[in-house]
Amino acid sequence: MEMEKIRYEIIGLISERIGIDQQKLNDYGREKSLLDASIGLQPRDLLTLFFELQRKYEIVFEEKDIIESRFDYVDNIVEAIISKQVSE
């Protein structure tokens, strides 16, 4: 349940802050990179998302979290957040 709640919040945040359609994120977000042309995020958008998520969930991502967990997939971002919440 927690995973789906966080996923929903991330999709809402991307839609609100960056302007990507929520339906598109729901349709493609699990199997495609957020940087894929069909979704349309730019690398700077991921950086914006990175800082927004740290603020929202009161966590701190390290460089290894971004590299090792492929921060460009919604489900990987969710897993990284849950992992940080458990460890902090």
Protein backbone atom coordinates (compact mmCIF):
# COMPACT_ATOMS: atom_id res chain seq x y z
CA MET A 1 0.00 0.00 0.00
CA GLU A 2 2.73 2.43 0.94
CA MET A 3 4.46 1.82 -2.36
CA GLU A 4 1.35 2.67 -4.39
CA LYS A 5 0.69 5.78 -2.29
CA ILE A 6 4.22 7.07 -2.89
CA ARG A 7 3.98 6.19 -6.59
CA TYR A 8 0.73 8.15 -6.86
CA GLU A 9 2.33 11.14 -5.07
CA ILE A 10 5.38 11.08 -7.37
CA ILE A 11 3.21 10.98 -10.48
CA GLY A 12 1.15 13.87 -9.11
CA LEU A 13 4.28 15.85 -8.34
CA ILE A 14 5.73 15.31 -11.82
CA SER A 15 2.43 16.29 -13.37
CA GLU A 16 1.99 19.39 -11.21
CA ARG A 17 5.55 20.73 -11.17
CA ILE A 18 6.81 19.66 -14.59
CA GLY A 19 3.59 19.51 -16.57
CA ILE A 20 3.63 15.89 -17.77
CA ASP A 21 0.21 14.30 -18.21
CA GLN A 22 -0.63 11.91 -15.35
CA GLN A 23 -2.20 9.36 -17.70
CA LYS A 24 1.00 9.23 -19.74
CA LEU A 25 3.00 8.63 -16.57
CA ASN A 26 0.62 5.88 -15.48
CA ASP A 27 0.72 4.24 -18.91
CA TYR A 28 4.49 4.35 -19.46
CA GLY A 29 6.07 5.11 -16.10
CA ARG A 30 6.66 1.52 -15.07
CA GLU A 31 8.31 0.25 -18.22
CA LYS A 32 9.98 3.32 -19.72
CA SER A 33 12.52 5.79 -18.50
CA LEU A 34 11.10 9.17 -17.57
CA LEU A 35 13.65 10.52 -20.05
CA ASP A 36 12.13 8.52 -22.92
CA ALA A 37 10.74 10.70 -25.71
CA SER A 38 7.24 9.26 -25.19
CA ILE A 39 7.18 10.71 -21.66
CA GLY A 40 9.23 13.80 -22.28
CA LEU A 41 11.11 14.68 -19.09
CA GLN A 42 14.41 16.46 -19.49
CA PRO A 43 17.44 15.78 -17.26
CA ARG A 44 16.86 19.12 -15.52
CA ASP A 45 13.32 17.92 -14.69
CA LEU A 46 14.79 14.92 -12.87
CA LEU A 47 17.00 17.26 -10.88
CA THR A 48 13.93 19.32 -9.93
CA LEU A 49 12.14 16.11 -8.95
CA PHE A 50 15.15 14.99 -6.92
CA PHE A 51 15.07 18.10 -4.74
CA GLU A 52 11.28 18.12 -4.45
CA LEU A 53 11.26 14.53 -3.22
CA GLN A 54 14.00 15.16 -0.66
CA ARG A 55 11.99 18.07 0.69
CA LYS A 56 8.63 16.28 0.63
CA TYR A 57 9.82 13.07 2.30
CA GLU A 58 12.49 14.69 4.49
CA ILE A 59 15.20 12.37 3.21
CA VAL A 60 18.61 12.88 1.66
CA PHE A 61 19.62 10.98 -1.45
CA GLU A 62 23.27 10.22 -2.05
CA GLU A 63 24.91 9.97 -5.45
CA LYS A 64 24.97 6.18 -5.21
CA ASP A 65 21.19 6.15 -4.71
CA ILE A 66 20.73 7.93 -8.01
CA ILE A 67 23.20 5.82 -9.96
CA GLU A 68 22.48 2.40 -8.49
CA SER A 69 18.69 2.66 -8.51
CA ARG A 70 18.20 4.22 -11.97
CA PHE A 71 16.41 7.33 -10.74
CA ASP A 72 14.74 7.75 -14.13
CA TYR A 73 12.04 5.09 -13.53
CA VAL A 74 9.06 5.84 -11.28
CA ASP A 75 9.13 2.48 -9.48
CA ASN A 76 12.87 2.80 -8.81
CA ILE A 77 12.30 6.24 -7.31
CA VAL A 78 9.59 4.80 -5.08
CA GLU A 79 11.92 2.03 -3.91
CA ALA A 80 14.69 4.54 -3.21
CA ILE A 81 12.32 6.65 -1.09
CA ILE A 82 11.10 3.64 0.89
CA SER A 83 14.68 2.49 1.41
CA LYS A 84 15.68 5.92 2.71
CA GLN A 85 12.68 6.11 5.04
CA VAL A 86 13.56 2.74 6.55
CA SER A 87 17.24 3.57 7.03
CA GLU A 88 16.75 7.04 8.51
